[in-house]
Amino acid sequence: ALYIVWHILDLTVGVANQDFRAGQP
């Protein structure tokens, strides 16, 4: 359950990914 929240913030929303680029999965 905790990981699902992290995963969304990391690779869906991008706020937990320091090098997140929208539209470049």
mmCIF file of all heavy atoms, coordinates in Angstrom:
data_MODEL
# 
_entry.id   MODEL 
# 
loop_
_atom_site.group_PDB 
_atom_site.id 
_atom_site.type_symbol 
_atom_site.label_atom_id 
_atom_site.label_alt_id 
_atom_site.label_comp_id 
_atom_site.label_asym_id 
_atom_site.label_entity_id 
_atom_site.label_seq_id 
_atom_site.pdbx_PDB_ins_code 
_atom_site.Cartn_x 
_atom_site.Cartn_y 
_atom_site.Cartn_z 
_atom_site.occupancy 
_atom_site.B_iso_or_equiv 
_atom_site.pdbx_formal_charge 
_atom_site.auth_seq_id 
_atom_site.auth_comp_id 
_atom_site.auth_asym_id 
_atom_site.auth_atom_id 
_atom_site.pdbx_PDB_model_num 
ATOM 1   N N   . ALA A 1 1  ? 0.837  -1.206 0.000   1.00 0.00 ? 1  ALA A N   1 
ATOM 2   C CA  . ALA A 1 1  ? 0.000  0.000  0.000   1.00 0.00 ? 1  ALA A CA  1 
ATOM 3   C C   . ALA A 1 1  ? 0.870  1.253  0.000   1.00 0.00 ? 1  ALA A C   1 
ATOM 4   O O   . ALA A 1 1  ? 0.616  2.212  -0.743  1.00 0.00 ? 1  ALA A O   1 
ATOM 5   C CB  . ALA A 1 1  ? -0.935 -0.011 1.205   1.00 0.00 ? 1  ALA A CB  1 
ATOM 6   N N   . LEU A 1 2  ? 1.917  1.255  0.825   1.00 0.00 ? 2  LEU A N   1 
ATOM 7   C CA  . LEU A 1 2  ? 2.838  2.392  0.864   1.00 0.00 ? 2  LEU A CA  1 
ATOM 8   C C   . LEU A 1 2  ? 3.592  2.524  -0.456  1.00 0.00 ? 2  LEU A C   1 
ATOM 9   O O   . LEU A 1 2  ? 3.822  3.645  -0.951  1.00 0.00 ? 2  LEU A O   1 
ATOM 10  C CB  . LEU A 1 2  ? 3.834  2.223  2.018   1.00 0.00 ? 2  LEU A CB  1 
ATOM 11  C CG  . LEU A 1 2  ? 3.255  2.347  3.430   1.00 0.00 ? 2  LEU A CG  1 
ATOM 12  C CD1 . LEU A 1 2  ? 4.317  1.998  4.467   1.00 0.00 ? 2  LEU A CD1 1 
ATOM 13  C CD2 . LEU A 1 2  ? 2.722  3.758  3.669   1.00 0.00 ? 2  LEU A CD2 1 
ATOM 14  N N   . TYR A 1 3  ? 3.960  1.384  -1.043  1.00 0.00 ? 3  TYR A N   1 
ATOM 15  C CA  . TYR A 1 3  ? 4.712  1.435  -2.300  1.00 0.00 ? 3  TYR A CA  1 
ATOM 16  C C   . TYR A 1 3  ? 3.856  1.992  -3.440  1.00 0.00 ? 3  TYR A C   1 
ATOM 17  O O   . TYR A 1 3  ? 4.369  2.711  -4.307  1.00 0.00 ? 3  TYR A O   1 
ATOM 18  C CB  . TYR A 1 3  ? 5.233  0.052  -2.685  1.00 0.00 ? 3  TYR A CB  1 
ATOM 19  C CG  . TYR A 1 3  ? 5.897  0.086  -4.038  1.00 0.00 ? 3  TYR A CG  1 
ATOM 20  C CD1 . TYR A 1 3  ? 7.144  0.693  -4.195  1.00 0.00 ? 3  TYR A CD1 1 
ATOM 21  C CD2 . TYR A 1 3  ? 5.258  -0.416 -5.173  1.00 0.00 ? 3  TYR A CD2 1 
ATOM 22  C CE1 . TYR A 1 3  ? 7.740  0.784  -5.438  1.00 0.00 ? 3  TYR A CE1 1 
ATOM 23  C CE2 . TYR A 1 3  ? 5.857  -0.340 -6.414  1.00 0.00 ? 3  TYR A CE2 1 
ATOM 24  C CZ  . TYR A 1 3  ? 7.096  0.265  -6.553  1.00 0.00 ? 3  TYR A CZ  1 
ATOM 25  O OH  . TYR A 1 3  ? 7.667  0.356  -7.785  1.00 0.00 ? 3  TYR A OH  1 
ATOM 26  N N   . ILE A 1 4  ? 2.575  1.670  -3.446  1.00 0.00 ? 4  ILE A N   1 
ATOM 27  C CA  . ILE A 1 4  ? 1.689  2.183  -4.498  1.00 0.00 ? 4  ILE A CA  1 
ATOM 28  C C   . ILE A 1 4  ? 1.702  3.713  -4.477  1.00 0.00 ? 4  ILE A C   1 
ATOM 29  O O   . ILE A 1 4  ? 1.777  4.361  -5.527  1.00 0.00 ? 4  ILE A O   1 
ATOM 30  C CB  . ILE A 1 4  ? 0.259  1.640  -4.319  1.00 0.00 ? 4  ILE A CB  1 
ATOM 31  C CG1 . ILE A 1 4  ? 0.221  0.148  -4.648  1.00 0.00 ? 4  ILE A CG1 1 
ATOM 32  C CG2 . ILE A 1 4  ? -0.720 2.393  -5.226  1.00 0.00 ? 4  ILE A CG2 1 
ATOM 33  C CD1 . ILE A 1 4  ? -1.084 -0.530 -4.286  1.00 0.00 ? 4  ILE A CD1 1 
ATOM 34  N N   . VAL A 1 5  ? 1.630  4.287  -3.271  1.00 0.00 ? 5  VAL A N   1 
ATOM 35  C CA  . VAL A 1 5  ? 1.680  5.744  -3.142  1.00 0.00 ? 5  VAL A CA  1 
ATOM 36  C C   . VAL A 1 5  ? 3.016  6.278  -3.677  1.00 0.00 ? 5  VAL A C   1 
ATOM 37  O O   . VAL A 1 5  ? 3.058  7.244  -4.446  1.00 0.00 ? 5  VAL A O   1 
ATOM 38  C CB  . VAL A 1 5  ? 1.492  6.168  -1.672  1.00 0.00 ? 5  VAL A CB  1 
ATOM 39  C CG1 . VAL A 1 5  ? 1.660  7.680  -1.516  1.00 0.00 ? 5  VAL A CG1 1 
ATOM 40  C CG2 . VAL A 1 5  ? 0.121  5.723  -1.158  1.00 0.00 ? 5  VAL A CG2 1 
ATOM 41  N N   . TRP A 1 6  ? 4.104  5.632  -3.282  1.00 0.00 ? 6  TRP A N   1 
ATOM 42  C CA  . TRP A 1 6  ? 5.431  6.040  -3.751  1.00 0.00 ? 6  TRP A CA  1 
ATOM 43  C C   . TRP A 1 6  ? 5.531  5.934  -5.274  1.00 0.00 ? 6  TRP A C   1 
ATOM 44  O O   . TRP A 1 6  ? 6.054  6.833  -5.943  1.00 0.00 ? 6  TRP A O   1 
ATOM 45  C CB  . TRP A 1 6  ? 6.505  5.171  -3.097  1.00 0.00 ? 6  TRP A CB  1 
ATOM 46  C CG  . TRP A 1 6  ? 7.816  5.207  -3.829  1.00 0.00 ? 6  TRP A CG  1 
ATOM 47  C CD1 . TRP A 1 6  ? 8.295  4.295  -4.732  1.00 0.00 ? 6  TRP A CD1 1 
ATOM 48  C CD2 . TRP A 1 6  ? 8.811  6.232  -3.751  1.00 0.00 ? 6  TRP A CD2 1 
ATOM 49  N NE1 . TRP A 1 6  ? 9.509  4.676  -5.213  1.00 0.00 ? 6  TRP A NE1 1 
ATOM 50  C CE2 . TRP A 1 6  ? 9.861  5.868  -4.631  1.00 0.00 ? 6  TRP A CE2 1 
ATOM 51  C CE3 . TRP A 1 6  ? 8.912  7.414  -3.022  1.00 0.00 ? 6  TRP A CE3 1 
ATOM 52  C CZ2 . TRP A 1 6  ? 10.991 6.641  -4.792  1.00 0.00 ? 6  TRP A CZ2 1 
ATOM 53  C CZ3 . TRP A 1 6  ? 10.053 8.191  -3.190  1.00 0.00 ? 6  TRP A CZ3 1 
ATOM 54  C CH2 . TRP A 1 6  ? 11.073 7.804  -4.064  1.00 0.00 ? 6  TRP A CH2 1 
ATOM 55  N N   . HIS A 1 7  ? 5.045  4.836  -5.837  1.00 0.00 ? 7  HIS A N   1 
ATOM 56  C CA  . HIS A 1 7  ? 5.139  4.586  -7.273  1.00 0.00 ? 7  HIS A CA  1 
ATOM 57  C C   . HIS A 1 7  ? 4.409  5.673  -8.067  1.00 0.00 ? 7  HIS A C   1 
ATOM 58  O O   . HIS A 1 7  ? 4.900  6.142  -9.096  1.00 0.00 ? 7  HIS A O   1 
ATOM 59  C CB  . HIS A 1 7  ? 4.553  3.211  -7.590  1.00 0.00 ? 7  HIS A CB  1 
ATOM 60  C CG  . HIS A 1 7  ? 4.756  2.784  -9.018  1.00 0.00 ? 7  HIS A CG  1 
ATOM 61  N ND1 . HIS A 1 7  ? 5.995  2.594  -9.572  1.00 0.00 ? 7  HIS A ND1 1 
ATOM 62  C CD2 . HIS A 1 7  ? 3.855  2.506  -10.007 1.00 0.00 ? 7  HIS A CD2 1 
ATOM 63  C CE1 . HIS A 1 7  ? 5.874  2.219  -10.831 1.00 0.00 ? 7  HIS A CE1 1 
ATOM 64  N NE2 . HIS A 1 7  ? 4.582  2.162  -11.119 1.00 0.00 ? 7  HIS A NE2 1 
ATOM 65  N N   . ILE A 1 8  ? 3.235  6.074  -7.576  1.00 0.00 ? 8  ILE A N   1 
ATOM 66  C CA  . ILE A 1 8  ? 2.469  7.127  -8.249  1.00 0.00 ? 8  ILE A CA  1 
ATOM 67  C C   . ILE A 1 8  ? 3.227  8.451  -8.193  1.00 0.00 ? 8  ILE A C   1 
ATOM 68  O O   . ILE A 1 8  ? 3.336  9.174  -9.196  1.00 0.00 ? 8  ILE A O   1 
ATOM 69  C CB  . ILE A 1 8  ? 1.074  7.268  -7.598  1.00 0.00 ? 8  ILE A CB  1 
ATOM 70  C CG1 . ILE A 1 8  ? 0.239  6.010  -7.896  1.00 0.00 ? 8  ILE A CG1 1 
ATOM 71  C CG2 . ILE A 1 8  ? 0.361  8.523  -8.113  1.00 0.00 ? 8  ILE A CG2 1 
ATOM 72  C CD1 . ILE A 1 8  ? -1.066 5.957  -7.135  1.00 0.00 ? 8  ILE A CD1 1 
ATOM 73  N N   . LEU A 1 9  ? 3.759  8.774  -7.019  1.00 0.00 ? 9  LEU A N   1 
ATOM 74  C CA  . LEU A 1 9  ? 4.518  10.024 -6.876  1.00 0.00 ? 9  LEU A CA  1 
ATOM 75  C C   . LEU A 1 9  ? 5.797  10.006 -7.696  1.00 0.00 ? 9  LEU A C   1 
ATOM 76  O O   . LEU A 1 9  ? 6.253  11.046 -8.182  1.00 0.00 ? 9  LEU A O   1 
ATOM 77  C CB  . LEU A 1 9  ? 4.865  10.255 -5.399  1.00 0.00 ? 9  LEU A CB  1 
ATOM 78  C CG  . LEU A 1 9  ? 3.691  10.522 -4.456  1.00 0.00 ? 9  LEU A CG  1 
ATOM 79  C CD1 . LEU A 1 9  ? 4.186  10.602 -3.018  1.00 0.00 ? 9  LEU A CD1 1 
ATOM 80  C CD2 . LEU A 1 9  ? 2.961  11.802 -4.847  1.00 0.00 ? 9  LEU A CD2 1 
ATOM 81  N N   . ASP A 1 10 ? 6.351  8.810  -7.888  1.00 0.00 ? 10 ASP A N   1 
ATOM 82  C CA  . ASP A 1 10 ? 7.644  8.672  -8.553  1.00 0.00 ? 10 ASP A CA  1 
ATOM 83  C C   . ASP A 1 10 ? 7.534  8.694  -10.074 1.00 0.00 ? 10 ASP A C   1 
ATOM 84  O O   . ASP A 1 10 ? 8.166  9.506  -10.744 1.00 0.00 ? 10 ASP A O   1 
ATOM 85  C CB  . ASP A 1 10 ? 8.294  7.367  -8.090  1.00 0.00 ? 10 ASP A CB  1 
ATOM 86  C CG  . ASP A 1 10 ? 9.712  7.204  -8.602  1.00 0.00 ? 10 ASP A CG  1 
ATOM 87  O OD1 . ASP A 1 10 ? 10.386 8.228  -8.827  1.00 0.00 ? 10 ASP A OD1 1 
ATOM 88  O OD2 . ASP A 1 10 ? 10.155 6.063  -8.766  1.00 0.00 ? 10 ASP A OD2 1 
ATOM 89  N N   . LEU A 1 11 ? 6.713  7.802  -10.633 1.00 0.00 ? 11 LEU A N   1 
ATOM 90  C CA  . LEU A 1 11 ? 6.698  7.636  -12.083 1.00 0.00 ? 11 LEU A CA  1 
ATOM 91  C C   . LEU A 1 11 ? 5.417  8.108  -12.772 1.00 0.00 ? 11 LEU A C   1 
ATOM 92  O O   . LEU A 1 11 ? 5.370  8.149  -14.003 1.00 0.00 ? 11 LEU A O   1 
ATOM 93  C CB  . LEU A 1 11 ? 6.939  6.161  -12.441 1.00 0.00 ? 11 LEU A CB  1 
ATOM 94  C CG  . LEU A 1 11 ? 8.362  5.662  -12.183 1.00 0.00 ? 11 LEU A CG  1 
ATOM 95  C CD1 . LEU A 1 11 ? 8.471  4.167  -12.419 1.00 0.00 ? 11 LEU A CD1 1 
ATOM 96  C CD2 . LEU A 1 11 ? 9.369  6.411  -13.060 1.00 0.00 ? 11 LEU A CD2 1 
ATOM 97  N N   . THR A 1 12 ? 4.386  8.438  -11.997 1.00 0.00 ? 12 THR A N   1 
ATOM 98  C CA  . THR A 1 12 ? 3.162  8.964  -12.609 1.00 0.00 ? 12 THR A CA  1 
ATOM 99  C C   . THR A 1 12 ? 3.101  10.478 -12.469 1.00 0.00 ? 12 THR A C   1 
ATOM 100 O O   . THR A 1 12 ? 2.981  11.199 -13.465 1.00 0.00 ? 12 THR A O   1 
ATOM 101 C CB  . THR A 1 12 ? 1.915  8.330  -11.954 1.00 0.00 ? 12 THR A CB  1 
ATOM 102 O OG1 . THR A 1 12 ? 1.981  6.911  -12.086 1.00 0.00 ? 12 THR A OG1 1 
ATOM 103 C CG2 . THR A 1 12 ? 0.658  8.837  -12.637 1.00 0.00 ? 12 THR A CG2 1 
ATOM 104 N N   . VAL A 1 13 ? 3.200  10.959 -11.237 1.00 0.00 ? 13 VAL A N   1 
ATOM 105 C CA  . VAL A 1 13 ? 3.175  12.410 -10.994 1.00 0.00 ? 13 VAL A CA  1 
ATOM 106 C C   . VAL A 1 13 ? 4.556  13.017 -11.220 1.00 0.00 ? 13 VAL A C   1 
ATOM 107 O O   . VAL A 1 13 ? 4.682  14.118 -11.751 1.00 0.00 ? 13 VAL A O   1 
ATOM 108 C CB  . VAL A 1 13 ? 2.678  12.707 -9.566  1.00 0.00 ? 13 VAL A CB  1 
ATOM 109 C CG1 . VAL A 1 13 ? 2.645  14.209 -9.309  1.00 0.00 ? 13 VAL A CG1 1 
ATOM 110 C CG2 . VAL A 1 13 ? 1.295  12.095 -9.352  1.00 0.00 ? 13 VAL A CG2 1 
ATOM 111 N N   . GLY A 1 14 ? 5.590  12.292 -10.786 1.00 0.00 ? 14 GLY A N   1 
ATOM 112 C CA  . GLY A 1 14 ? 6.955  12.739 -11.029 1.00 0.00 ? 14 GLY A CA  1 
ATOM 113 C C   . GLY A 1 14 ? 7.580  13.562 -9.930  1.00 0.00 ? 14 GLY A C   1 
ATOM 114 O O   . GLY A 1 14 ? 8.749  13.961 -10.046 1.00 0.00 ? 14 GLY A O   1 
ATOM 115 N N   . VAL A 1 15 ? 6.877  13.814 -8.839  1.00 0.00 ? 15 VAL A N   1 
ATOM 116 C CA  . VAL A 1 15 ? 7.428  14.683 -7.795  1.00 0.00 ? 15 VAL A CA  1 
ATOM 117 C C   . VAL A 1 15 ? 8.545  14.003 -7.005  1.00 0.00 ? 15 VAL A C   1 
ATOM 118 O O   . VAL A 1 15 ? 9.362  14.680 -6.368  1.00 0.00 ? 15 VAL A O   1 
ATOM 119 C CB  . VAL A 1 15 ? 6.322  15.149 -6.823  1.00 0.00 ? 15 VAL A CB  1 
ATOM 120 C CG1 . VAL A 1 15 ? 5.289  15.989 -7.550  1.00 0.00 ? 15 VAL A CG1 1 
ATOM 121 C CG2 . VAL A 1 15 ? 5.651  13.950 -6.143  1.00 0.00 ? 15 VAL A CG2 1 
ATOM 122 N N   . ALA A 1 16 ? 8.599  12.663 -7.032  1.00 0.00 ? 16 ALA A N   1 
ATOM 123 C CA  . ALA A 1 16 ? 9.645  11.945 -6.302  1.00 0.00 ? 16 ALA A CA  1 
ATOM 124 C C   . ALA A 1 16 ? 10.807 11.557 -7.204  1.00 0.00 ? 16 ALA A C   1 
ATOM 125 O O   . ALA A 1 16 ? 11.783 10.961 -6.743  1.00 0.00 ? 16 ALA A O   1 
ATOM 126 C CB  . ALA A 1 16 ? 9.066  10.689 -5.629  1.00 0.00 ? 16 ALA A CB  1 
ATOM 127 N N   . ASN A 1 17 ? 10.713 11.897 -8.472  1.00 0.00 ? 17 ASN A N   1 
ATOM 128 C CA  . ASN A 1 17 ? 11.773 11.577 -9.434  1.00 0.00 ? 17 ASN A CA  1 
ATOM 129 C C   . ASN A 1 17 ? 12.524 12.871 -9.749  1.00 0.00 ? 17 ASN A C   1 
ATOM 130 O O   . ASN A 1 17 ? 11.969 13.800 -10.334 1.00 0.00 ? 17 ASN A O   1 
ATOM 131 C CB  . ASN A 1 17 ? 11.159 10.984 -10.711 1.00 0.00 ? 17 ASN A CB  1 
ATOM 132 C CG  . ASN A 1 17 ? 12.207 10.416 -11.656 1.00 0.00 ? 17 ASN A CG  1 
ATOM 133 O OD1 . ASN A 1 17 ? 13.321 10.918 -11.728 1.00 0.00 ? 17 ASN A OD1 1 
ATOM 134 N ND2 . ASN A 1 17 ? 11.843 9.389  -12.394 1.00 0.00 ? 17 ASN A ND2 1 
ATOM 135 N N   . GLN A 1 18 ? 13.800 12.926 -9.353  1.00 0.00 ? 18 GLN A N   1 
ATOM 136 C CA  . GLN A 1 18 ? 14.566 14.163 -9.484  1.00 0.00 ? 18 GLN A CA  1 
ATOM 137 C C   . GLN A 1 18 ? 14.830 14.561 -10.931 1.00 0.00 ? 18 GLN A C   1 
ATOM 138 O O   . GLN A 1 18 ? 15.130 15.717 -11.202 1.00 0.00 ? 18 GLN A O   1 
ATOM 139 C CB  . GLN A 1 18 ? 15.895 14.020 -8.740  1.00 0.00 ? 18 GLN A CB  1 
ATOM 140 C CG  . GLN A 1 18 ? 15.734 13.842 -7.241  1.00 0.00 ? 18 GLN A CG  1 
ATOM 141 C CD  . GLN A 1 18 ? 17.065 13.714 -6.524  1.00 0.00 ? 18 GLN A CD  1 
ATOM 142 O OE1 . GLN A 1 18 ? 18.117 13.644 -7.151  1.00 0.00 ? 18 GLN A OE1 1 
ATOM 143 N NE2 . GLN A 1 18 ? 17.019 13.697 -5.193  1.00 0.00 ? 18 GLN A NE2 1 
ATOM 144 N N   . ASP A 1 19 ? 14.695 13.599 -11.866 1.00 0.00 ? 19 ASP A N   1 
ATOM 145 C CA  . ASP A 1 19 ? 14.957 13.909 -13.275 1.00 0.00 ? 19 ASP A CA  1 
ATOM 146 C C   . ASP A 1 19 ? 13.741 13.568 -14.128 1.00 0.00 ? 19 ASP A C   1 
ATOM 147 O O   . ASP A 1 19 ? 13.862 13.076 -15.243 1.00 0.00 ? 19 ASP A O   1 
ATOM 148 C CB  . ASP A 1 19 ? 16.184 13.124 -13.753 1.00 0.00 ? 19 ASP A CB  1 
ATOM 149 C CG  . ASP A 1 19 ? 16.746 13.681 -15.059 1.00 0.00 ? 19 ASP A CG  1 
ATOM 150 O OD1 . ASP A 1 19 ? 16.389 14.824 -15.419 1.00 0.00 ? 19 ASP A OD1 1 
ATOM 151 O OD2 . ASP A 1 19 ? 17.503 12.955 -15.733 1.00 0.00 ? 19 ASP A OD2 1 
ATOM 152 N N   . PHE A 1 20 ? 12.552 13.830 -13.597 1.00 0.00 ? 20 PHE A N   1 
ATOM 153 C CA  . PHE A 1 20 ? 11.312 13.493 -14.307 1.00 0.00 ? 20 PHE A CA  1 
ATOM 154 C C   . PHE A 1 20 ? 11.084 14.444 -15.468 1.00 0.00 ? 20 PHE A C   1 
ATOM 155 O O   . PHE A 1 20 ? 11.240 15.657 -15.346 1.00 0.00 ? 20 PHE A O   1 
ATOM 156 C CB  . PHE A 1 20 ? 10.126 13.572 -13.350 1.00 0.00 ? 20 PHE A CB  1 
ATOM 157 C CG  . PHE A 1 20 ? 8.818  13.138 -13.962 1.00 0.00 ? 20 PHE A CG  1 
ATOM 158 C CD1 . PHE A 1 20 ? 8.472  11.804 -14.015 1.00 0.00 ? 20 PHE A CD1 1 
ATOM 159 C CD2 . PHE A 1 20 ? 7.940  14.084 -14.480 1.00 0.00 ? 20 PHE A CD2 1 
ATOM 160 C CE1 . PHE A 1 20 ? 7.264  11.403 -14.567 1.00 0.00 ? 20 PHE A CE1 1 
ATOM 161 C CE2 . PHE A 1 20 ? 6.732  13.696 -15.041 1.00 0.00 ? 20 PHE A CE2 1 
ATOM 162 C CZ  . PHE A 1 20 ? 6.396  12.353 -15.083 1.00 0.00 ? 20 PHE A CZ  1 
ATOM 163 N N   . ARG A 1 21 ? 10.717 13.859 -16.633 1.00 0.00 ? 21 ARG A N   1 
ATOM 164 C CA  . ARG A 1 21 ? 10.386 14.655 -17.808 1.00 0.00 ? 21 ARG A CA  1 
ATOM 165 C C   . ARG A 1 21 ? 9.021  14.226 -18.307 1.00 0.00 ? 21 ARG A C   1 
ATOM 166 O O   . ARG A 1 21 ? 8.821  13.055 -18.655 1.00 0.00 ? 21 ARG A O   1 
ATOM 167 C CB  . ARG A 1 21 ? 11.435 14.457 -18.913 1.00 0.00 ? 21 ARG A CB  1 
ATOM 168 C CG  . ARG A 1 21 ? 12.837 14.895 -18.528 1.00 0.00 ? 21 ARG A CG  1 
ATOM 169 C CD  . ARG A 1 21 ? 13.808 14.649 -19.676 1.00 0.00 ? 21 ARG A CD  1 
ATOM 170 N NE  . ARG A 1 21 ? 15.203 14.892 -19.290 1.00 0.00 ? 21 ARG A NE  1 
ATOM 171 C CZ  . ARG A 1 21 ? 16.247 14.633 -20.080 1.00 0.00 ? 21 ARG A CZ  1 
ATOM 172 N NH1 . ARG A 1 21 ? 16.039 14.132 -21.313 1.00 0.00 ? 21 ARG A NH1 1 
ATOM 173 N NH2 . ARG A 1 21 ? 17.476 14.873 -19.657 1.00 0.00 ? 21 ARG A NH2 1 
ATOM 174 N N   . ALA A 1 22 ? 8.085  15.130 -18.340 1.00 0.00 ? 22 ALA A N   1 
ATOM 175 C CA  . ALA A 1 22 ? 6.724  14.817 -18.782 1.00 0.00 ? 22 ALA A CA  1 
ATOM 176 C C   . ALA A 1 22 ? 6.732  14.316 -20.221 1.00 0.00 ? 22 ALA A C   1 
ATOM 177 O O   . ALA A 1 22 ? 7.389  14.894 -21.086 1.00 0.00 ? 22 ALA A O   1 
ATOM 178 C CB  . ALA A 1 22 ? 5.839  16.054 -18.662 1.00 0.00 ? 22 ALA A CB  1 
ATOM 179 N N   . GLY A 1 23 ? 6.026  13.222 -20.469 1.00 0.00 ? 23 GLY A N   1 
ATOM 180 C CA  . GLY A 1 23 ? 5.924  12.678 -21.819 1.00 0.00 ? 23 GLY A CA  1 
ATOM 181 C C   . GLY A 1 23 ? 7.110  11.843 -22.263 1.00 0.00 ? 23 GLY A C   1 
ATOM 182 O O   . GLY A 1 23 ? 7.187  11.459 -23.430 1.00 0.00 ? 23 GLY A O   1 
ATOM 183 N N   . GLN A 1 24 ? 8.051  11.566 -21.346 1.00 0.00 ? 24 GLN A N   1 
ATOM 184 C CA  . GLN A 1 24 ? 9.222  10.749 -21.694 1.00 0.00 ? 24 GLN A CA  1 
ATOM 185 C C   . GLN A 1 24 ? 9.363  9.589  -20.693 1.00 0.00 ? 24 GLN A C   1 
ATOM 186 O O   . GLN A 1 24 ? 10.301 9.567  -19.880 1.00 0.00 ? 24 GLN A O   1 
ATOM 187 C CB  . GLN A 1 24 ? 10.481 11.596 -21.706 1.00 0.00 ? 24 GLN A CB  1 
ATOM 188 C CG  . GLN A 1 24 ? 10.469 12.707 -22.739 1.00 0.00 ? 24 GLN A CG  1 
ATOM 189 C CD  . GLN A 1 24 ? 11.802 13.453 -22.797 1.00 0.00 ? 24 GLN A CD  1 
ATOM 190 O OE1 . GLN A 1 24 ? 12.876 12.881 -22.636 1.00 0.00 ? 24 GLN A OE1 1 
ATOM 191 N NE2 . GLN A 1 24 ? 11.713 14.761 -23.029 1.00 0.00 ? 24 GLN A NE2 1 
ATOM 192 N N   . PRO A 1 25 ? 8.450  8.619  -20.721 1.00 0.00 ? 25 PRO A N   1 
ATOM 193 C CA  . PRO A 1 25 ? 8.469  7.523  -19.736 1.00 0.00 ? 25 PRO A CA  1 
ATOM 194 C C   . PRO A 1 25 ? 9.742  6.682  -19.765 1.00 0.00 ? 25 PRO A C   1 
ATOM 195 O O   . PRO A 1 25 ? 10.204 6.237  -18.718 1.00 0.00 ? 25 PRO A O   1 
ATOM 196 C CB  . PRO A 1 25 ? 7.238  6.684  -20.103 1.00 0.00 ? 25 PRO A CB  1 
ATOM 197 C CG  . PRO A 1 25 ? 6.900  7.083  -21.505 1.00 0.00 ? 25 PRO A CG  1 
ATOM 198 C CD  . PRO A 1 25 ? 7.310  8.504  -21.642 1.00 0.00 ? 25 PRO A CD  1 
# 
